[in-house]
Every structure is written in C-alpha cells, then in structure tokens.
N, C-alpha and C. Protein backbone atom coordinates (compact mmCIF):
# COMPACT_ATOMS: atom_id res chain seq x y z
N MET A 1 62.43 115.33 136.73
CA MET A 1 62.32 114.42 135.62
C MET A 1 61.63 115.08 134.43
N ARG A 2 60.54 115.81 134.71
CA ARG A 2 59.83 116.51 133.64
C ARG A 2 60.73 117.53 132.96
N CYS A 3 61.52 118.22 133.76
CA CYS A 3 62.42 119.24 133.20
C CYS A 3 63.42 118.61 132.23
N VAL A 4 63.94 117.47 132.59
CA VAL A 4 64.91 116.78 131.74
C VAL A 4 64.25 116.37 130.43
N ILE A 5 63.06 115.80 130.53
CA ILE A 5 62.34 115.38 129.33
C ILE A 5 62.02 116.59 128.46
N HIS A 6 61.60 117.67 129.09
CA HIS A 6 61.28 118.89 128.35
C HIS A 6 62.52 119.42 127.62
N ARG A 7 63.66 119.45 128.30
CA ARG A 7 64.89 119.92 127.65
C ARG A 7 65.30 119.02 126.49
N LEU A 8 65.19 117.71 126.69
CA LEU A 8 65.51 116.78 125.61
C LEU A 8 64.57 116.97 124.42
N HIS A 9 63.31 117.21 124.70
CA HIS A 9 62.33 117.45 123.65
C HIS A 9 62.67 118.73 122.88
N GLU A 10 63.00 119.80 123.60
CA GLU A 10 63.39 121.06 122.95
C GLU A 10 64.64 120.88 122.10
N HIS A 11 65.60 120.14 122.63
CA HIS A 11 66.84 119.89 121.90
C HIS A 11 66.56 119.10 120.62
N GLY A 12 65.72 118.10 120.73
CA GLY A 12 65.33 117.31 119.55
C GLY A 12 64.62 118.17 118.52
N ASN A 13 63.72 119.04 118.98
CA ASN A 13 63.02 119.94 118.05
C ASN A 13 63.99 120.88 117.35
N ARG A 14 64.98 121.36 118.08
CA ARG A 14 65.97 122.26 117.48
C ARG A 14 66.78 121.54 116.40
N ILE A 15 67.18 120.32 116.68
CA ILE A 15 67.95 119.53 115.70
C ILE A 15 67.10 119.28 114.45
N VAL A 16 65.84 118.92 114.65
CA VAL A 16 64.95 118.70 113.51
C VAL A 16 64.79 120.00 112.70
N GLY A 17 64.65 121.13 113.40
CA GLY A 17 64.54 122.43 112.72
C GLY A 17 65.76 122.74 111.87
N ILE A 18 66.93 122.45 112.40
CA ILE A 18 68.18 122.69 111.66
C ILE A 18 68.23 121.79 110.42
N LEU A 19 67.90 120.52 110.60
CA LEU A 19 67.93 119.58 109.47
C LEU A 19 66.92 119.97 108.39
N LEU A 20 65.74 120.39 108.80
CA LEU A 20 64.73 120.82 107.83
C LEU A 20 65.18 122.08 107.09
N PHE A 21 65.80 123.00 107.82
CA PHE A 21 66.30 124.22 107.20
C PHE A 21 67.39 123.89 106.18
N GLU A 22 68.29 123.02 106.57
CA GLU A 22 69.36 122.60 105.67
C GLU A 22 68.79 121.97 104.39
N SER A 23 67.78 121.16 104.56
CA SER A 23 67.12 120.53 103.41
C SER A 23 66.41 121.57 102.55
N THR A 24 65.78 122.54 103.19
CA THR A 24 65.06 123.60 102.47
C THR A 24 66.00 124.43 101.62
N ILE A 25 67.15 124.82 102.18
CA ILE A 25 68.06 125.66 101.39
C ILE A 25 68.71 124.86 100.27
N ARG A 26 68.95 123.58 100.51
CA ARG A 26 69.50 122.73 99.43
C ARG A 26 68.50 122.59 98.29
N ARG A 27 67.24 122.40 98.65
CA ARG A 27 66.18 122.28 97.64
C ARG A 27 66.03 123.60 96.88
N ALA A 28 66.11 124.72 97.59
CA ALA A 28 66.01 126.03 96.94
C ALA A 28 67.15 126.23 95.95
N LEU A 29 68.34 125.77 96.28
CA LEU A 29 69.48 125.86 95.36
C LEU A 29 69.25 124.96 94.15
N ASP A 30 68.81 123.75 94.38
CA ASP A 30 68.56 122.81 93.27
C ASP A 30 67.48 123.33 92.32
N ARG A 31 66.49 124.02 92.87
CA ARG A 31 65.41 124.57 92.04
C ARG A 31 65.76 125.95 91.48
N LYS A 32 66.95 126.42 91.78
CA LYS A 32 67.44 127.73 91.33
C LYS A 32 66.60 128.89 91.89
N GLU A 33 66.04 128.69 93.07
CA GLU A 33 65.32 129.76 93.76
C GLU A 33 66.32 130.68 94.47
N ILE A 34 67.49 130.13 94.79
CA ILE A 34 68.60 130.92 95.32
C ILE A 34 69.83 130.56 94.51
N ASN A 35 70.81 131.46 94.52
CA ASN A 35 72.04 131.18 93.77
C ASN A 35 73.11 130.61 94.70
N ALA A 36 74.24 130.25 94.14
CA ALA A 36 75.32 129.61 94.91
C ALA A 36 75.87 130.54 96.00
N ARG A 37 75.93 131.84 95.71
CA ARG A 37 76.41 132.79 96.73
C ARG A 37 75.46 132.82 97.92
N GLN A 38 74.17 132.87 97.63
CA GLN A 38 73.17 132.89 98.70
C GLN A 38 73.22 131.59 99.51
N TYR A 39 73.41 130.48 98.83
CA TYR A 39 73.52 129.19 99.52
C TYR A 39 74.73 129.18 100.45
N THR A 40 75.85 129.73 99.98
CA THR A 40 77.06 129.79 100.80
C THR A 40 76.84 130.63 102.04
N ILE A 41 76.18 131.77 101.88
CA ILE A 41 75.89 132.64 103.03
C ILE A 41 75.05 131.88 104.05
N LEU A 42 74.00 131.22 103.59
CA LEU A 42 73.13 130.47 104.50
C LEU A 42 73.87 129.32 105.17
N SER A 43 74.72 128.64 104.43
CA SER A 43 75.49 127.53 104.99
C SER A 43 76.45 128.00 106.07
N GLN A 44 77.10 129.13 105.83
CA GLN A 44 78.02 129.68 106.83
C GLN A 44 77.26 130.07 108.10
N LEU A 45 76.10 130.71 107.94
CA LEU A 45 75.32 131.10 109.11
C LEU A 45 74.75 129.88 109.83
N LEU A 46 74.45 128.85 109.08
CA LEU A 46 73.96 127.61 109.69
C LEU A 46 75.02 127.03 110.62
N ASP A 47 76.28 127.10 110.19
CA ASP A 47 77.39 126.59 111.01
C ASP A 47 77.69 127.48 112.21
N LYS A 48 77.65 128.81 112.00
CA LYS A 48 78.08 129.74 113.04
C LYS A 48 76.95 130.25 113.92
N GLY A 49 75.72 130.22 113.43
CA GLY A 49 74.61 130.81 114.17
C GLY A 49 74.55 132.31 113.92
N ALA A 50 73.84 133.01 114.78
CA ALA A 50 73.67 134.46 114.61
C ALA A 50 75.03 135.15 114.60
N THR A 51 75.22 136.00 113.59
CA THR A 51 76.50 136.67 113.40
C THR A 51 76.25 138.12 113.01
N GLY A 52 77.08 139.01 113.50
CA GLY A 52 76.95 140.42 113.15
C GLY A 52 77.11 140.66 111.66
N LEU A 53 76.30 141.56 111.12
CA LEU A 53 76.35 141.86 109.69
C LEU A 53 77.73 142.35 109.27
N ASP A 54 78.33 143.23 110.07
CA ASP A 54 79.68 143.73 109.74
C ASP A 54 80.71 142.61 109.77
N GLU A 55 80.57 141.70 110.72
CA GLU A 55 81.49 140.56 110.80
C GLU A 55 81.39 139.70 109.54
N VAL A 56 80.16 139.47 109.08
CA VAL A 56 79.96 138.69 107.86
C VAL A 56 80.57 139.42 106.67
N ARG A 57 80.29 140.71 106.55
CA ARG A 57 80.78 141.49 105.41
C ARG A 57 82.30 141.56 105.35
N HIS A 58 82.96 141.48 106.50
CA HIS A 58 84.43 141.57 106.52
C HIS A 58 85.11 140.20 106.50
N SER A 59 84.34 139.15 106.55
CA SER A 59 84.95 137.82 106.56
C SER A 59 85.47 137.45 105.16
N PRO A 60 86.60 136.75 105.11
CA PRO A 60 87.22 136.41 103.81
C PRO A 60 86.30 135.60 102.90
N TRP A 61 85.55 134.64 103.45
CA TRP A 61 84.67 133.83 102.61
C TRP A 61 83.61 134.68 101.92
N TYR A 62 83.08 135.70 102.64
CA TYR A 62 82.05 136.57 102.08
C TYR A 62 82.64 137.48 101.01
N GLN A 63 83.79 138.05 101.29
CA GLN A 63 84.43 138.94 100.33
C GLN A 63 84.81 138.20 99.05
N SER A 64 85.23 136.94 99.19
CA SER A 64 85.60 136.18 98.00
C SER A 64 84.39 135.88 97.11
N LEU A 65 83.20 135.83 97.69
CA LEU A 65 81.99 135.60 96.89
C LEU A 65 81.70 136.75 95.93
N TYR A 66 82.13 137.95 96.32
CA TYR A 66 81.76 139.15 95.57
C TYR A 66 82.97 139.89 95.00
N LEU A 67 84.05 139.18 94.73
CA LEU A 67 85.26 139.82 94.23
C LEU A 67 85.02 140.68 92.99
N LYS A 68 84.28 140.15 92.04
CA LYS A 68 84.07 140.86 90.77
C LYS A 68 82.67 141.43 90.65
N LEU A 69 81.96 141.50 91.76
CA LEU A 69 80.59 142.01 91.74
C LEU A 69 80.50 143.26 92.60
N ASN A 70 79.49 144.08 92.34
CA ASN A 70 79.38 145.34 93.08
C ASN A 70 78.51 145.19 94.33
N ASP A 71 78.42 146.28 95.09
CA ASP A 71 77.70 146.27 96.35
C ASP A 71 76.20 146.06 96.16
N LYS A 72 75.68 146.51 95.03
CA LYS A 72 74.25 146.31 94.74
C LYS A 72 73.90 144.82 94.71
N THR A 73 74.78 144.02 94.13
CA THR A 73 74.55 142.58 94.07
C THR A 73 74.54 141.99 95.48
N ARG A 74 75.45 142.44 96.32
CA ARG A 74 75.48 141.99 97.72
C ARG A 74 74.16 142.30 98.41
N GLN A 75 73.71 143.54 98.24
CA GLN A 75 72.46 143.96 98.87
C GLN A 75 71.27 143.16 98.34
N ARG A 76 71.22 142.97 97.04
CA ARG A 76 70.13 142.20 96.43
C ARG A 76 70.09 140.77 96.96
N ASN A 77 71.26 140.14 97.05
CA ASN A 77 71.32 138.77 97.54
C ASN A 77 70.82 138.66 98.98
N LEU A 78 71.27 139.56 99.84
CA LEU A 78 70.83 139.53 101.24
C LEU A 78 69.34 139.86 101.36
N ASN A 79 68.90 140.87 100.63
CA ASN A 79 67.48 141.24 100.70
C ASN A 79 66.58 140.12 100.20
N ARG A 80 67.00 139.44 99.15
CA ARG A 80 66.20 138.32 98.62
C ARG A 80 66.09 137.20 99.66
N LEU A 81 67.18 136.90 100.35
CA LEU A 81 67.14 135.87 101.40
C LEU A 81 66.22 136.29 102.54
N ARG A 82 66.23 137.58 102.85
CA ARG A 82 65.35 138.09 103.90
C ARG A 82 63.89 138.04 103.47
N GLU A 83 63.62 138.37 102.21
CA GLU A 83 62.25 138.30 101.69
C GLU A 83 61.72 136.87 101.73
N MET A 84 62.59 135.92 101.45
CA MET A 84 62.21 134.51 101.46
C MET A 84 62.15 133.93 102.88
N GLU A 85 62.53 134.74 103.86
CA GLU A 85 62.61 134.35 105.27
C GLU A 85 63.55 133.17 105.49
N LEU A 86 64.62 133.14 104.70
CA LEU A 86 65.69 132.18 104.92
C LEU A 86 66.79 132.80 105.77
N LEU A 87 66.68 134.11 105.96
CA LEU A 87 67.66 134.88 106.70
C LEU A 87 66.93 136.03 107.38
N PHE A 88 67.31 136.33 108.62
CA PHE A 88 66.70 137.44 109.34
C PHE A 88 67.79 138.40 109.80
N LEU A 89 67.47 139.68 109.82
CA LEU A 89 68.35 140.71 110.36
C LEU A 89 67.62 141.34 111.53
N ASP A 90 68.25 141.32 112.71
CA ASP A 90 67.58 141.89 113.87
C ASP A 90 67.98 143.35 114.06
N GLU A 91 67.39 143.99 115.05
CA GLU A 91 67.62 145.42 115.29
C GLU A 91 69.06 145.73 115.68
N SER A 92 69.81 144.75 116.16
CA SER A 92 71.21 144.98 116.51
C SER A 92 72.15 144.54 115.38
N ASN A 93 71.61 144.45 114.15
CA ASN A 93 72.38 144.12 112.94
C ASN A 93 73.08 142.77 113.01
N ARG A 94 72.38 141.78 113.55
CA ARG A 94 72.89 140.41 113.55
C ARG A 94 72.07 139.61 112.55
N LEU A 95 72.75 138.83 111.73
CA LEU A 95 72.09 137.95 110.77
C LEU A 95 71.80 136.61 111.43
N TRP A 96 70.60 136.12 111.23
CA TRP A 96 70.16 134.85 111.81
C TRP A 96 69.72 133.92 110.69
N PRO A 97 70.08 132.65 110.77
CA PRO A 97 69.55 131.69 109.79
C PRO A 97 68.04 131.54 109.98
N GLY A 98 67.34 131.17 108.93
CA GLY A 98 65.88 131.14 108.92
C GLY A 98 65.22 130.26 109.96
N PHE A 99 65.90 129.26 110.49
CA PHE A 99 65.28 128.39 111.49
C PHE A 99 65.27 129.02 112.87
N ALA A 100 66.02 130.11 113.07
CA ALA A 100 66.12 130.75 114.38
C ALA A 100 65.63 132.19 114.27
N ARG A 101 64.34 132.39 114.35
CA ARG A 101 63.75 133.72 114.19
C ARG A 101 63.97 134.56 115.46
N PRO A 102 64.67 135.70 115.32
CA PRO A 102 64.89 136.56 116.49
C PRO A 102 63.62 137.36 116.81
N LYS A 103 63.61 138.01 117.97
CA LYS A 103 62.43 138.77 118.40
C LYS A 103 62.28 140.08 117.64
N ASN A 104 63.36 140.84 117.52
CA ASN A 104 63.29 142.18 116.93
C ASN A 104 63.85 142.17 115.52
N ILE A 105 63.03 141.81 114.55
CA ILE A 105 63.46 141.72 113.16
C ILE A 105 63.31 143.08 112.49
N LYS A 106 64.36 143.48 111.77
CA LYS A 106 64.26 144.69 110.95
C LYS A 106 63.43 144.36 109.73
N PRO A 107 62.51 145.25 109.36
CA PRO A 107 61.74 145.01 108.14
C PRO A 107 62.64 145.03 106.91
N VAL A 108 62.32 144.22 105.92
CA VAL A 108 63.09 144.20 104.67
C VAL A 108 62.92 145.54 103.99
N GLY A 109 64.01 146.04 103.43
CA GLY A 109 63.96 147.32 102.74
C GLY A 109 64.57 148.44 103.55
N ARG A 110 64.68 148.26 104.88
CA ARG A 110 65.36 149.27 105.69
C ARG A 110 66.84 149.18 105.45
N LYS A 111 67.50 150.30 105.50
CA LYS A 111 68.93 150.34 105.26
C LYS A 111 69.65 149.48 106.28
N GLY A 112 70.65 148.76 105.81
CA GLY A 112 71.41 147.91 106.72
C GLY A 112 71.85 146.63 106.05
N ALA A 113 71.00 146.04 105.24
CA ALA A 113 71.40 144.78 104.59
C ALA A 113 71.45 144.93 103.11
C-alpha cells in the first residue's frame, strides 16, 4: 500500500514539475527572456523528453527554425537555454528539458551544443 501511495505521489510531483516548467518557459517568452525559436525547442523537448542532440539538429522542425540563420545563432540559442537551466545536455549528448535534470551534465561552453 505504501509503495502505491509513494508511486502516485512521485507521479503527481512529476506532473506538477512539467506544468511549472511549461508555465516558466511561457512566462520567459512573454517577458522576452527567450525568443520564439528557443521556446519552440523547449516545447518540442517537453513533448518528446530527452532527445539526442544530433536527432534534434536533423529534425525538420529544428532545421526550419534556422533556414536563414547561421550555425552561430543555433549555438547561441542552445547555450543561452543551458545557461538559464531551461535545457540540459548530458555527457551522452542528449538534450533534456529543464524539469528533468540528468546526472552527468556537460558544463556550458564545452563543444557540443
């Protein structure tokens, strides 16, 4: 019985964490702390969960965000999200939304994002 209650409690906490994260990124967009491209990246990761960096970079939705922009802009956008801790990159090059902090986070500024 305790195990069931504990699992339900953890599940409830996870849902609350997701909702708070969603609210946080929406507020950041409204306050212009992040741009629309960054918001789209976070929204996609919120739906999909942890995703490989290469998979994100090759996905059509990501490529369409940067059609007329250079790679520096892509890097700046990802690094800014990582600095704000709205996005994490782990040692195996997987991007995580800010509500799900992985164990082995790559420091911001290291090559990769």
